[in-house]
């Protein structure tokens, strides 16, 4: 069931994305800063979450990654036929 205002990722099983999260965790463990950035190219969203229904492995990986010290950032955009402009941060709803 779709939640109004909620942007979700992924829209299919995202094994490669889970692998990238693991790589970000390794960077933090090595003492570096790492950020997982999600850009929502829709104008009707007010928050972001991992789609546990489509890929529970990715959702759990995102929670684990955030808990390891990787920053999880999400921004929405304003879209026109002339430009896509990053507008504001969206809150991340952690749903393990």
Protein backbone atom coordinates (compact mmCIF):
# COMPACT_ATOMS: atom_id res chain seq x y z
CA UNK A 1 0.00 0.00 0.00
CA UNK A 2 1.37 3.41 -0.96
CA UNK A 3 1.84 5.97 1.80
CA UNK A 4 1.09 9.52 0.59
CA UNK A 5 4.18 11.72 0.66
CA UNK A 6 6.62 8.83 1.13
CA UNK A 7 9.47 8.36 -1.36
CA UNK A 8 10.80 4.80 -1.28
CA UNK A 9 13.91 3.15 -2.69
CA UNK A 10 14.46 0.68 -4.26
CA UNK A 11 11.70 -0.12 -6.74
CA UNK A 12 13.10 -3.65 -7.25
CA UNK A 13 15.63 -5.93 -5.57
CA UNK A 14 18.80 -3.86 -5.33
CA UNK A 15 21.67 -6.26 -4.57
CA UNK A 16 24.20 -3.90 -6.12
CA UNK A 17 22.96 -1.02 -3.96
CA UNK A 18 23.35 -3.20 -0.86
CA UNK A 19 26.93 -3.92 -1.96
CA UNK A 20 27.61 -0.17 -2.24
CA UNK A 21 26.31 0.36 1.30
CA UNK A 22 28.76 -2.26 2.55
CA UNK A 23 31.58 -0.40 0.80
CA UNK A 24 30.53 2.84 2.54
CA UNK A 25 30.61 1.03 5.90
CA UNK A 26 34.18 -0.07 5.17
CA UNK A 27 35.15 3.53 4.45
CA UNK A 28 33.82 4.66 7.82
CA UNK A 29 35.57 1.76 9.56
CA UNK A 30 38.81 2.97 7.94
CA UNK A 31 38.27 6.43 9.45
CA UNK A 32 36.81 8.21 6.43
CA UNK A 33 33.54 10.11 6.08
CA UNK A 34 30.92 8.38 3.93
CA UNK A 35 27.49 9.54 2.79
CA UNK A 36 24.62 7.66 1.16
CA UNK A 37 22.77 10.31 -0.84
CA UNK A 38 19.27 9.80 -2.22
CA UNK A 39 17.80 12.42 -4.58
CA UNK A 40 14.02 12.23 -5.00
CA UNK A 41 13.01 13.54 -8.40
CA UNK A 42 9.36 14.05 -7.49
CA UNK A 43 7.62 17.04 -5.98
CA UNK A 44 4.96 15.25 -3.92
CA UNK A 45 7.14 13.67 -1.21
CA UNK A 46 7.73 14.79 2.36
CA UNK A 47 9.93 11.94 3.64
CA UNK A 48 12.08 9.02 2.48
CA UNK A 49 12.33 5.34 3.49
CA UNK A 50 13.81 2.11 2.21
CA UNK A 51 11.15 -0.06 0.59
CA UNK A 52 11.09 -3.06 2.90
CA UNK A 53 8.31 -4.71 0.90
CA UNK A 54 10.39 -4.94 -2.30
CA UNK A 55 13.86 -5.42 -0.82
CA UNK A 56 14.07 -6.19 2.89
CA UNK A 57 17.79 -6.97 2.52
CA UNK A 58 18.49 -3.43 1.27
CA UNK A 59 16.29 -1.92 4.00
CA UNK A 60 18.20 -3.79 6.70
CA UNK A 61 21.51 -2.85 5.06
CA UNK A 62 20.57 0.83 5.07
CA UNK A 63 19.76 0.70 8.78
CA UNK A 64 23.02 -1.16 9.52
CA UNK A 65 24.97 1.30 7.38
CA UNK A 66 23.51 4.31 9.18
CA UNK A 67 24.26 2.70 12.54
CA UNK A 68 27.88 2.19 11.44
CA UNK A 69 28.34 5.93 11.01
CA UNK A 70 27.52 6.45 7.33
CA UNK A 71 25.42 9.58 6.91
CA UNK A 72 22.10 8.98 5.14
CA UNK A 73 20.95 12.11 3.32
CA UNK A 74 17.92 12.63 1.14
CA UNK A 75 16.88 15.68 -0.87
CA UNK A 76 13.90 16.45 -3.02
CA UNK A 77 13.82 18.40 -6.27
CA UNK A 78 11.75 20.94 -8.12
CA UNK A 79 11.22 19.77 -11.68
CA UNK A 80 10.46 21.85 -14.74
CA UNK A 81 10.99 21.25 -18.44
CA UNK A 82 14.05 23.51 -18.17
CA UNK A 83 15.77 22.27 -15.00
CA UNK A 84 15.90 19.95 -12.05
CA UNK A 85 16.78 21.89 -8.90
CA UNK A 86 17.66 20.30 -5.57
CA UNK A 87 15.41 22.02 -3.05
CA UNK A 88 15.45 20.73 0.51
CA UNK A 89 16.40 17.82 2.71
CA UNK A 90 13.77 15.16 3.34
CA UNK A 91 13.70 13.26 6.62
CA UNK A 92 14.68 9.62 6.46
CA UNK A 93 12.23 7.20 8.10
CA UNK A 94 14.21 4.19 9.30
CA UNK A 95 12.02 1.08 8.94
CA UNK A 96 14.13 -1.99 9.73
